Amino acid sequence: VTPCADCEGIYTRIEFIDSATFIKSSKYLGKSSRAFLDMGQWSIKNDSVLTTMAHGNKQQYLFEDNSLIMLNQDGKRIKGALANYYRLNKGEPEAKKNW
């Protein structure tokens, strides 16, 4: 869950479909039960920076300690009191979860 300016947080899930395609699901907690989906292309630069591109929107992540750290628009780490909340941890694939 990443910080949100006008909700309780954004539940973010990124699934890498193949070597170039991803699906991102974002749910705005406390606002709606509906998830927003994006699908696009991803690539890795310098073995540590992952870039996603969907509908002309680019997001960069730093791959570190088996996690993805969301970077700001300039490709830099987000600083401040909420910086630790921009880390996306690896989870189980949906098909393997026991509901």
PDB file of N, CA and C in Angstrom:
ATOM      1  N   VAL A   1       0.857  -1.177   0.000  1.00  0.00           N
ATOM      2  CA  VAL A   1       0.000   0.000   0.000  1.00  0.00           C
ATOM      3  C   VAL A   1       0.900   1.236   0.000  1.00  0.00           C
ATOM      4  N   THR A   2       0.714   2.072  -1.004  1.00  0.00           N
ATOM      5  CA  THR A   2       1.499   3.300  -1.104  1.00  0.00           C
ATOM      6  C   THR A   2       0.657   4.484  -0.646  1.00  0.00           C
ATOM      7  N   PRO A   3       1.295   5.594  -0.253  1.00  0.00           N
ATOM      8  CA  PRO A   3       0.558   6.768   0.210  1.00  0.00           C
ATOM      9  C   PRO A   3      -0.357   7.353  -0.863  1.00  0.00           C
ATOM     10  N   CYS A   4      -1.403   8.025  -0.387  1.00  0.00           N
ATOM     11  CA  CYS A   4      -2.393   8.642  -1.268  1.00  0.00           C
ATOM     12  C   CYS A   4      -2.776   9.996  -0.681  1.00  0.00           C
ATOM     13  N   ALA A   5      -2.867  11.012  -1.506  1.00  0.00           N
ATOM     14  CA  ALA A   5      -3.182  12.363  -1.038  1.00  0.00           C
ATOM     15  C   ALA A   5      -4.618  12.487  -0.546  1.00  0.00           C
ATOM     16  N   ASP A   6      -5.552  11.745  -1.150  1.00  0.00           N
ATOM     17  CA  ASP A   6      -6.959  11.929  -0.769  1.00  0.00           C
ATOM     18  C   ASP A   6      -7.685  10.612  -0.487  1.00  0.00           C
ATOM     19  N   CYS A   7      -6.917   9.587  -0.056  1.00  0.00           N
ATOM     20  CA  CYS A   7      -7.539   8.325   0.354  1.00  0.00           C
ATOM     21  C   CYS A   7      -6.652   7.688   1.425  1.00  0.00           C
ATOM     22  N   GLU A   8      -7.051   6.504   1.898  1.00  0.00           N
ATOM     23  CA  GLU A   8      -6.310   5.826   2.966  1.00  0.00           C
ATOM     24  C   GLU A   8      -5.009   5.196   2.480  1.00  0.00           C
ATOM     25  N   GLY A   9      -4.863   5.025   1.202  1.00  0.00           N
ATOM     26  CA  GLY A   9      -3.673   4.423   0.611  1.00  0.00           C
ATOM     27  C   GLY A   9      -4.046   3.768  -0.702  1.00  0.00           C
ATOM     28  N   ILE A  10      -3.046   3.444  -1.492  1.00  0.00           N
ATOM     29  CA  ILE A  10      -3.276   2.806  -2.786  1.00  0.00           C
ATOM     30  C   ILE A  10      -2.677   1.409  -2.732  1.00  0.00           C
ATOM     31  N   TYR A  11      -3.560   0.402  -2.795  1.00  0.00           N
ATOM     32  CA  TYR A  11      -3.094  -0.980  -2.873  1.00  0.00           C
ATOM     33  C   TYR A  11      -2.633  -1.201  -4.304  1.00  0.00           C
ATOM     34  N   THR A  12      -1.361  -1.528  -4.449  1.00  0.00           N
ATOM     35  CA  THR A  12      -0.761  -1.667  -5.781  1.00  0.00           C
ATOM     36  C   THR A  12      -0.261  -3.085  -5.972  1.00  0.00           C
ATOM     37  N   ARG A  13      -0.619  -3.658  -7.091  1.00  0.00           N
ATOM     38  CA  ARG A  13      -0.170  -5.009  -7.447  1.00  0.00           C
ATOM     39  C   ARG A  13       0.307  -4.969  -8.888  1.00  0.00           C
ATOM     40  N   ILE A  14       1.542  -5.448  -9.108  1.00  0.00           N
ATOM     41  CA  ILE A  14       2.096  -5.519 -10.456  1.00  0.00           C
ATOM     42  C   ILE A  14       2.395  -6.984 -10.765  1.00  0.00           C
ATOM     43  N   GLU A  15       1.875  -7.440 -11.883  1.00  0.00           N
ATOM     44  CA  GLU A  15       2.129  -8.816 -12.318  1.00  0.00           C
ATOM     45  C   GLU A  15       2.876  -8.752 -13.645  1.00  0.00           C
ATOM     46  N   PHE A  16       4.003  -9.449 -13.696  1.00  0.00           N
ATOM     47  CA  PHE A  16       4.804  -9.495 -14.908  1.00  0.00           C
ATOM     48  C   PHE A  16       4.386 -10.729 -15.697  1.00  0.00           C
ATOM     49  N   ILE A  17       3.722 -10.504 -16.817  1.00  0.00           N
ATOM     50  CA  ILE A  17       3.131 -11.575 -17.611  1.00  0.00           C
ATOM     51  C   ILE A  17       4.197 -12.359 -18.372  1.00  0.00           C
ATOM     52  N   ASP A  18       5.099 -11.653 -19.010  1.00  0.00           N
ATOM     53  CA  ASP A  18       6.183 -12.291 -19.753  1.00  0.00           C
ATOM     54  C   ASP A  18       7.385 -11.363 -19.711  1.00  0.00           C
ATOM     55  N   SER A  19       8.329 -11.556 -20.590  1.00  0.00           N
ATOM     56  CA  SER A  19       9.579 -10.782 -20.553  1.00  0.00           C
ATOM     57  C   SER A  19       9.414  -9.328 -20.975  1.00  0.00           C
ATOM     58  N   ALA A  20       8.202  -8.903 -21.323  1.00  0.00           N
ATOM     59  CA  ALA A  20       8.020  -7.514 -21.739  1.00  0.00           C
ATOM     60  C   ALA A  20       6.670  -6.918 -21.344  1.00  0.00           C
ATOM     61  N   THR A  21       5.728  -7.704 -20.830  1.00  0.00           N
ATOM     62  CA  THR A  21       4.371  -7.229 -20.568  1.00  0.00           C
ATOM     63  C   THR A  21       4.045  -7.295 -19.078  1.00  0.00           C
ATOM     64  N   PHE A  22       3.352  -6.266 -18.572  1.00  0.00           N
ATOM     65  CA  PHE A  22       2.923  -6.252 -17.180  1.00  0.00           C
ATOM     66  C   PHE A  22       1.463  -5.813 -17.091  1.00  0.00           C
ATOM     67  N   ILE A  23       0.841  -6.156 -15.967  1.00  0.00           N
ATOM     68  CA  ILE A  23      -0.482  -5.644 -15.607  1.00  0.00           C
ATOM     69  C   ILE A  23      -0.355  -5.047 -14.208  1.00  0.00           C
ATOM     70  N   LYS A  24      -0.836  -3.830 -14.045  1.00  0.00           N
ATOM     71  CA  LYS A  24      -0.805  -3.153 -12.751  1.00  0.00           C
ATOM     72  C   LYS A  24      -2.234  -2.904 -12.300  1.00  0.00           C
ATOM     73  N   SER A  25      -2.526  -3.295 -11.075  1.00  0.00           N
ATOM     74  CA  SER A  25      -3.838  -3.078 -10.479  1.00  0.00           C
ATOM     75  C   SER A  25      -3.664  -2.101  -9.316  1.00  0.00           C
ATOM     76  N   SER A  26      -4.480  -1.048  -9.304  1.00  0.00           N
ATOM     77  CA  SER A  26      -4.430  -0.045  -8.235  1.00  0.00           C
ATOM     78  C   SER A  26      -5.823   0.121  -7.644  1.00  0.00           C
ATOM     79  N   LYS A  27      -5.921  -0.022  -6.332  1.00  0.00           N
ATOM     80  CA  LYS A  27      -7.207   0.147  -5.647  1.00  0.00           C
ATOM     81  C   LYS A  27      -7.047   1.264  -4.616  1.00  0.00           C
ATOM     82  N   TYR A  28      -7.886   2.277  -4.712  1.00  0.00           N
ATOM     83  CA  TYR A  28      -7.827   3.433  -3.819  1.00  0.00           C
ATOM     84  C   TYR A  28      -8.646   3.126  -2.579  1.00  0.00           C
ATOM     85  N   LEU A  29      -7.959   2.794  -1.490  1.00  0.00           N
ATOM     86  CA  LEU A  29      -8.609   2.349  -0.265  1.00  0.00           C
ATOM     87  C   LEU A  29      -9.412   3.472   0.390  1.00  0.00           C
ATOM     88  N   GLY A  30     -10.614   3.137   0.813  1.00  0.00           N
ATOM     89  CA  GLY A  30     -11.481   4.114   1.448  1.00  0.00           C
ATOM     90  C   GLY A  30     -12.259   4.968   0.467  1.00  0.00           C
ATOM     91  N   LYS A  31     -12.034   4.793  -0.821  1.00  0.00           N
ATOM     92  CA  LYS A  31     -12.728   5.565  -1.852  1.00  0.00           C
ATOM     93  C   LYS A  31     -13.631   4.681  -2.697  1.00  0.00           C
ATOM     94  N   SER A  32     -13.097   3.528  -3.103  1.00  0.00           N
ATOM     95  CA  SER A  32     -13.832   2.675  -4.023  1.00  0.00           C
ATOM     96  C   SER A  32     -13.330   1.241  -3.888  1.00  0.00           C
ATOM     97  N   SER A  33     -14.210   0.294  -4.133  1.00  0.00           N
ATOM     98  CA  SER A  33     -13.790  -1.101  -4.121  1.00  0.00           C
ATOM     99  C   SER A  33     -13.316  -1.522  -5.516  1.00  0.00           C
ATOM    100  N   ARG A  34     -13.442  -0.635  -6.471  1.00  0.00           N
ATOM    101  CA  ARG A  34     -13.054  -0.908  -7.856  1.00  0.00           C
ATOM    102  C   ARG A  34     -11.539  -0.750  -8.035  1.00  0.00           C
ATOM    103  N   ALA A  35     -10.941  -1.697  -8.731  1.00  0.00           N
ATOM    104  CA  ALA A  35      -9.512  -1.613  -9.043  1.00  0.00           C
ATOM    105  C   ALA A  35      -9.339  -1.033 -10.440  1.00  0.00           C
ATOM    106  N   PHE A  36      -8.338  -0.194 -10.596  1.00  0.00           N
ATOM    107  CA  PHE A  36      -7.992   0.373 -11.898  1.00  0.00           C
ATOM    108  C   PHE A  36      -6.861  -0.459 -12.476  1.00  0.00           C
ATOM    109  N   LEU A  37      -7.001  -0.873 -13.728  1.00  0.00           N
ATOM    110  CA  LEU A  37      -6.010  -1.728 -14.364  1.00  0.00           C
ATOM    111  C   LEU A  37      -5.253  -0.979 -15.449  1.00  0.00           C
ATOM    112  N   ASP A  38      -3.958  -1.235 -15.511  1.00  0.00           N
ATOM    113  CA  ASP A  38      -3.095  -0.745 -16.586  1.00  0.00           C
ATOM    114  C   ASP A  38      -2.319  -1.927 -17.115  1.00  0.00           C
ATOM    115  N   MET A  39      -2.138  -1.962 -18.411  1.00  0.00           N
ATOM    116  CA  MET A  39      -1.322  -2.997 -19.034  1.00  0.00           C
ATOM    117  C   MET A  39      -0.352  -2.303 -19.981  1.00  0.00           C
ATOM    118  N   GLY A  40       0.878  -2.747 -19.967  1.00  0.00           N
ATOM    119  CA  GLY A  40       1.861  -2.115 -20.833  1.00  0.00           C
ATOM    120  C   GLY A  40       3.134  -2.917 -20.917  1.00  0.00           C
ATOM    121  N   GLN A  41       4.203  -2.232 -21.257  1.00  0.00           N
ATOM    122  CA  GLN A  41       5.508  -2.851 -21.452  1.00  0.00           C
ATOM    123  C   GLN A  41       6.439  -2.489 -20.296  1.00  0.00           C
ATOM    124  N   TRP A  42       7.376  -3.383 -20.010  1.00  0.00           N
ATOM    125  CA  TRP A  42       8.383  -3.102 -18.988  1.00  0.00           C
ATOM    126  C   TRP A  42       9.761  -3.468 -19.515  1.00  0.00           C
ATOM    127  N   SER A  43      10.773  -2.838 -18.929  1.00  0.00           N
ATOM    128  CA  SER A  43      12.159  -3.122 -19.293  1.00  0.00           C
ATOM    129  C   SER A  43      13.051  -2.847 -18.089  1.00  0.00           C
ATOM    130  N   ILE A  44      14.257  -3.372 -18.137  1.00  0.00           N
ATOM    131  CA  ILE A  44      15.227  -3.168 -17.049  1.00  0.00           C
ATOM    132  C   ILE A  44      16.456  -2.474 -17.616  1.00  0.00           C
ATOM    133  N   LYS A  45      16.928  -1.465 -16.871  1.00  0.00           N
ATOM    134  CA  LYS A  45      18.117  -0.699 -17.260  1.00  0.00           C
ATOM    135  C   LYS A  45      19.170  -0.874 -16.164  1.00  0.00           C
ATOM    136  N   ASN A  46      20.392  -1.118 -16.544  1.00  0.00           N
ATOM    137  CA  ASN A  46      21.518  -1.225 -15.604  1.00  0.00           C
ATOM    138  C   ASN A  46      21.309  -2.285 -14.533  1.00  0.00           C
ATOM    139  N   ASP A  47      20.565  -3.331 -14.833  1.00  0.00           N
ATOM    140  CA  ASP A  47      20.303  -4.448 -13.919  1.00  0.00           C
ATOM    141  C   ASP A  47      19.617  -4.054 -12.611  1.00  0.00           C
ATOM    142  N   SER A  48      19.160  -2.812 -12.471  1.00  0.00           N
ATOM    143  CA  SER A  48      18.542  -2.446 -11.199  1.00  0.00           C
ATOM    144  C   SER A  48      17.350  -1.497 -11.323  1.00  0.00           C
ATOM    145  N   VAL A  49      17.167  -0.828 -12.451  1.00  0.00           N
ATOM    146  CA  VAL A  49      16.047   0.099 -12.608  1.00  0.00           C
ATOM    147  C   VAL A  49      15.041  -0.498 -13.585  1.00  0.00           C
ATOM    148  N   LEU A  50      13.854  -0.756 -13.085  1.00  0.00           N
ATOM    149  CA  LEU A  50      12.780  -1.309 -13.889  1.00  0.00           C
ATOM    150  C   LEU A  50      11.866  -0.160 -14.301  1.00  0.00           C
ATOM    151  N   THR A  51      11.538  -0.078 -15.572  1.00  0.00           N
ATOM    152  CA  THR A  51      10.662   0.970 -16.087  1.00  0.00           C
ATOM    153  C   THR A  51       9.415   0.331 -16.669  1.00  0.00           C
ATOM    154  N   THR A  52       8.250   0.856 -16.273  1.00  0.00           N
ATOM    155  CA  THR A  52       6.992   0.417 -16.867  1.00  0.00           C
ATOM    156  C   THR A  52       6.448   1.568 -17.711  1.00  0.00           C
ATOM    157  N   MET A  53       5.777   1.202 -18.809  1.00  0.00           N
ATOM    158  CA  MET A  53       5.184   2.203 -19.697  1.00  0.00           C
ATOM    159  C   MET A  53       3.793   1.708 -20.083  1.00  0.00           C
ATOM    160  N   ALA A  54       2.780   2.522 -19.748  1.00  0.00           N
ATOM    161  CA  ALA A  54       1.395   2.190 -20.094  1.00  0.00           C
ATOM    162  C   ALA A  54       0.672   3.475 -20.451  1.00  0.00           C
ATOM    163  N   HIS A  55       0.052   3.505 -21.613  1.00  0.00           N
ATOM    164  CA  HIS A  55      -0.746   4.654 -22.069  1.00  0.00           C
ATOM    165  C   HIS A  55       0.061   5.952 -22.030  1.00  0.00           C
ATOM    166  N   GLY A  56       1.354   5.857 -22.337  1.00  0.00           N
ATOM    167  CA  GLY A  56       2.214   7.028 -22.345  1.00  0.00           C
ATOM    168  C   GLY A  56       2.717   7.458 -20.982  1.00  0.00           C
ATOM    169  N   ASN A  57       2.331   6.735 -19.924  1.00  0.00           N
ATOM    170  CA  ASN A  57       2.780   7.052 -18.567  1.00  0.00           C
ATOM    171  C   ASN A  57       3.926   6.131 -18.169  1.00  0.00           C
ATOM    172  N   LYS A  58       5.027   6.743 -17.752  1.00  0.00           N
ATOM    173  CA  LYS A  58       6.218   6.000 -17.363  1.00  0.00           C
ATOM    174  C   LYS A  58       6.363   6.032 -15.850  1.00  0.00           C
ATOM    175  N   GLN A  59       6.691   4.868 -15.256  1.00  0.00           N
ATOM    176  CA  GLN A  59       6.999   4.778 -13.828  1.00  0.00           C
ATOM    177  C   GLN A  59       8.279   3.974 -13.695  1.00  0.00           C
ATOM    178  N   GLN A  60       9.182   4.448 -12.846  1.00  0.00           N
ATOM    179  CA  GLN A  60      10.440   3.754 -12.619  1.00  0.00           C
ATOM    180  C   GLN A  60      10.478   3.192 -11.205  1.00  0.00           C
ATOM    181  N   TYR A  61      11.137   2.050 -11.085  1.00  0.00           N
ATOM    182  CA  TYR A  61      11.300   1.374  -9.801  1.00  0.00           C
ATOM    183  C   TYR A  61      12.752   0.936  -9.677  1.00  0.00           C
ATOM    184  N   LEU A  62      13.273   0.963  -8.487  1.00  0.00           N
ATOM    185  CA  LEU A  62      14.603   0.448  -8.198  1.00  0.00           C
ATOM    186  C   LEU A  62      14.434  -0.956  -7.643  1.00  0.00           C
ATOM    187  N   PHE A  63      15.111  -1.947  -8.248  1.00  0.00           N
ATOM    188  CA  PHE A  63      15.063  -3.313  -7.751  1.00  0.00           C
ATOM    189  C   PHE A  63      16.108  -3.436  -6.665  1.00  0.00           C
ATOM    190  N   GLU A  64      15.665  -3.721  -5.423  1.00  0.00           N
ATOM    191  CA  GLU A  64      16.589  -3.787  -4.293  1.00  0.00           C
ATOM    192  C   GLU A  64      16.061  -4.784  -3.267  1.00  0.00           C
ATOM    193  N   ASP A  65      16.898  -5.685  -2.828  1.00  0.00           N
ATOM    194  CA  ASP A  65      16.538  -6.668  -1.799  1.00  0.00           C
ATOM    195  C   ASP A  65      15.238  -7.397  -2.120  1.00  0.00           C
ATOM    196  N   ASN A  66      15.080  -7.846  -3.351  1.00  0.00           N
ATOM    197  CA  ASN A  66      13.909  -8.605  -3.801  1.00  0.00           C
ATOM    198  C   ASN A  66      12.609  -7.796  -3.694  1.00  0.00           C
ATOM    199  N   SER A  67      12.717  -6.469  -3.723  1.00  0.00           N
ATOM    200  CA  SER A  67      11.571  -5.557  -3.692  1.00  0.00           C
ATOM    201  C   SER A  67      11.720  -4.532  -4.806  1.00  0.00           C
ATOM    202  N   LEU A  68      10.617  -3.860  -5.117  1.00  0.00           N
ATOM    203  CA  LEU A  68      10.647  -2.725  -6.047  1.00  0.00           C
ATOM    204  C   LEU A  68      10.367  -1.465  -5.252  1.00  0.00           C
ATOM    205  N   ILE A  69      11.233  -0.484  -5.394  1.00  0.00           N
ATOM    206  CA  ILE A  69      11.054   0.803  -4.719  1.00  0.00           C
ATOM    207  C   ILE A  69      10.626   1.809  -5.769  1.00  0.00           C
ATOM    208  N   MET A  70       9.436   2.379  -5.593  1.00  0.00           N
ATOM    209  CA  MET A  70       8.937   3.373  -6.544  1.00  0.00           C
ATOM    210  C   MET A  70       9.834   4.597  -6.511  1.00  0.00           C
ATOM    211  N   LEU A  71      10.182   5.105  -7.676  1.00  0.00           N
ATOM    212  CA  LEU A  71      11.003   6.308  -7.789  1.00  0.00           C
ATOM    213  C   LEU A  71      10.124   7.478  -8.214  1.00  0.00           C
ATOM    214  N   ASN A  72      10.609   8.700  -7.964  1.00  0.00           N
ATOM    215  CA  ASN A  72       9.835   9.877  -8.367  1.00  0.00           C
ATOM    216  C   ASN A  72       9.963  10.105  -9.877  1.00  0.00           C
ATOM    217  N   GLN A  73       9.349  11.152 -10.380  1.00  0.00           N
ATOM    218  CA  GLN A  73       9.330  11.421 -11.823  1.00  0.00           C
ATOM    219  C   GLN A  73      10.717  11.649 -12.407  1.00  0.00           C
ATOM    220  N   ASP A  74      11.676  12.049 -11.552  1.00  0.00           N
ATOM    221  CA  ASP A  74      13.051  12.277 -12.006  1.00  0.00           C
ATOM    222  C   ASP A  74      13.912  11.020 -11.895  1.00  0.00           C
ATOM    223  N   GLY A  75      13.303   9.884 -11.486  1.00  0.00           N
ATOM    224  CA  GLY A  75      14.047   8.647 -11.336  1.00  0.00           C
ATOM    225  C   GLY A  75      14.870   8.583 -10.067  1.00  0.00           C
ATOM    226  N   LYS A  76      14.530   9.404  -9.073  1.00  0.00           N
ATOM    227  CA  LYS A  76      15.247   9.447  -7.795  1.00  0.00           C
ATOM    228  C   LYS A  76      14.379   8.821  -6.704  1.00  0.00           C
ATOM    229  N   ARG A  77      15.034   8.370  -5.642  1.00  0.00           N
ATOM    230  CA  ARG A  77      14.300   7.827  -4.495  1.00  0.00           C
ATOM    231  C   ARG A  77      13.420   8.903  -3.869  1.00  0.00           C
ATOM    232  N   ILE A  78      12.258   8.488  -3.416  1.00  0.00           N
ATOM    233  CA  ILE A  78      11.351   9.387  -2.713  1.00  0.00           C
ATOM    234  C   ILE A  78      11.867   9.512  -1.283  1.00  0.00           C
ATOM    235  N   LYS A  79      11.972  10.730  -0.813  1.00  0.00           N
ATOM    236  CA  LYS A  79      12.513  10.987   0.526  1.00  0.00           C
ATOM    237  C   LYS A  79      11.410  11.479   1.450  1.00  0.00           C
ATOM    238  N   GLY A  80      11.698  11.505   2.720  1.00  0.00           N
ATOM    239  CA  GLY A  80      10.762  12.024   3.701  1.00  0.00           C
ATOM    240  C   GLY A  80      10.201  10.931   4.599  1.00  0.00           C
ATOM    241  N   ALA A  81       9.257  11.321   5.441  1.00  0.00           N
ATOM    242  CA  ALA A  81       8.690  10.423   6.449  1.00  0.00           C
ATOM    243  C   ALA A  81       7.972   9.224   5.841  1.00  0.00           C
ATOM    244  N   LEU A  82       7.440   9.358   4.634  1.00  0.00           N
ATOM    245  CA  LEU A  82       6.679   8.271   4.012  1.00  0.00           C
ATOM    246  C   LEU A  82       7.507   7.433   3.036  1.00  0.00           C
ATOM    247  N   ALA A  83       8.799   7.679   2.957  1.00  0.00           N
ATOM    248  CA  ALA A  83       9.652   7.013   1.962  1.00  0.00           C
ATOM    249  C   ALA A  83       9.553   5.490   2.019  1.00  0.00           C
ATOM    250  N   ASN A  84       9.494   4.912   3.203  1.00  0.00           N
ATOM    251  CA  ASN A  84       9.443   3.451   3.330  1.00  0.00           C
ATOM    252  C   ASN A  84       8.153   2.845   2.785  1.00  0.00           C
ATOM    253  N   TYR A  85       7.129   3.648   2.601  1.00  0.00           N
ATOM    254  CA  TYR A  85       5.847   3.147   2.097  1.00  0.00           C
ATOM    255  C   TYR A  85       5.824   3.011   0.576  1.00  0.00           C
ATOM    256  N   TYR A  86       6.889   3.386  -0.089  1.00  0.00           N
ATOM    257  CA  TYR A  86       6.963   3.273  -1.539  1.00  0.00           C
ATOM    258  C   TYR A  86       7.703   2.002  -1.976  1.00  0.00           C
ATOM    259  N   ARG A  87       7.827   1.043  -1.068  1.00  0.00           N
ATOM    260  CA  ARG A  87       8.470  -0.243  -1.353  1.00  0.00           C
ATOM    261  C   ARG A  87       7.385  -1.277  -1.635  1.00  0.00           C
ATOM    262  N   LEU A  88       7.466  -1.918  -2.801  1.00  0.00           N
ATOM    263  CA  LEU A  88       6.531  -2.979  -3.166  1.00  0.00           C
ATOM    264  C   LEU A  88       7.235  -4.310  -2.946  1.00  0.00           C
ATOM    265  N   ASN A  89       6.677  -5.125  -2.075  1.00  0.00           N
ATOM    266  CA  ASN A  89       7.282  -6.408  -1.759  1.00  0.00           C
ATOM    267  C   ASN A  89       6.701  -7.524  -2.611  1.00  0.00           C
ATOM    268  N   LYS A  90       7.518  -8.495  -2.900  1.00  0.00           N
ATOM    269  CA  LYS A  90       7.103  -9.624  -3.713  1.00  0.00           C
ATOM    270  C   LYS A  90       6.078 -10.446  -2.932  1.00  0.00           C
ATOM    271  N   GLY A  91       4.999 -10.800  -3.608  1.00  0.00           N
ATOM    272  CA  GLY A  91       3.958 -11.617  -2.992  1.00  0.00           C
ATOM    273  C   GLY A  91       3.751 -12.888  -3.783  1.00  0.00           C
ATOM    274  N   GLU A  92       2.837 -13.690  -3.287  1.00  0.00           N
ATOM    275  CA  GLU A  92       2.495 -14.928  -3.978  1.00  0.00           C
ATOM    276  C   GLU A  92       1.636 -14.630  -5.198  1.00  0.00           C
ATOM    277  N   PRO A  93       1.819 -15.380  -6.266  1.00  0.00           N
ATOM    278  CA  PRO A  93       0.897 -15.240  -7.404  1.00  0.00           C
ATOM    279  C   PRO A  93      -0.522 -15.568  -6.952  1.00  0.00           C
ATOM    280  N   GLU A  94      -1.497 -14.875  -7.500  1.00  0.00           N
ATOM    281  CA  GLU A  94      -2.900 -15.069  -7.107  1.00  0.00           C
ATOM    282  C   GLU A  94      -3.326 -16.529  -7.205  1.00  0.00           C
ATOM    283  N   ALA A  95      -2.875 -17.241  -8.219  1.00  0.00           N
ATOM    284  CA  ALA A  95      -3.299 -18.625  -8.415  1.00  0.00           C
ATOM    285  C   ALA A  95      -2.827 -19.542  -7.280  1.00  0.00           C
ATOM    286  N   LYS A  96      -1.768 -19.150  -6.558  1.00  0.00           N
ATOM    287  CA  LYS A  96      -1.231 -20.002  -5.503  1.00  0.00           C
ATOM    288  C   LYS A  96      -1.798 -19.677  -4.127  1.00  0.00           C
ATOM    289  N   LYS A  97      -2.538 -18.583  -4.003  1.00  0.00           N
ATOM    290  CA  LYS A  97      -3.095 -18.210  -2.711  1.00  0.00           C
ATOM    291  C   LYS A  97      -4.238 -19.132  -2.333  1.00  0.00           C
ATOM    292  N   ASN A  98      -4.339 -19.412  -1.066  1.00  0.00           N
ATOM    293  CA  ASN A  98      -5.458 -20.212  -0.553  1.00  0.00           C
ATOM    294  C   ASN A  98      -6.549 -19.259  -0.078  1.00  0.00           C
ATOM    295  N   TRP A  99      -7.657 -19.245  -0.761  1.00  0.00           N
ATOM    296  CA  TRP A  99      -8.763 -18.359  -0.385  1.00  0.00           C
ATOM    297  C   TRP A  99      -9.632 -19.124   0.536  1.00  0.00           C
TER     298      TRP A  99
END
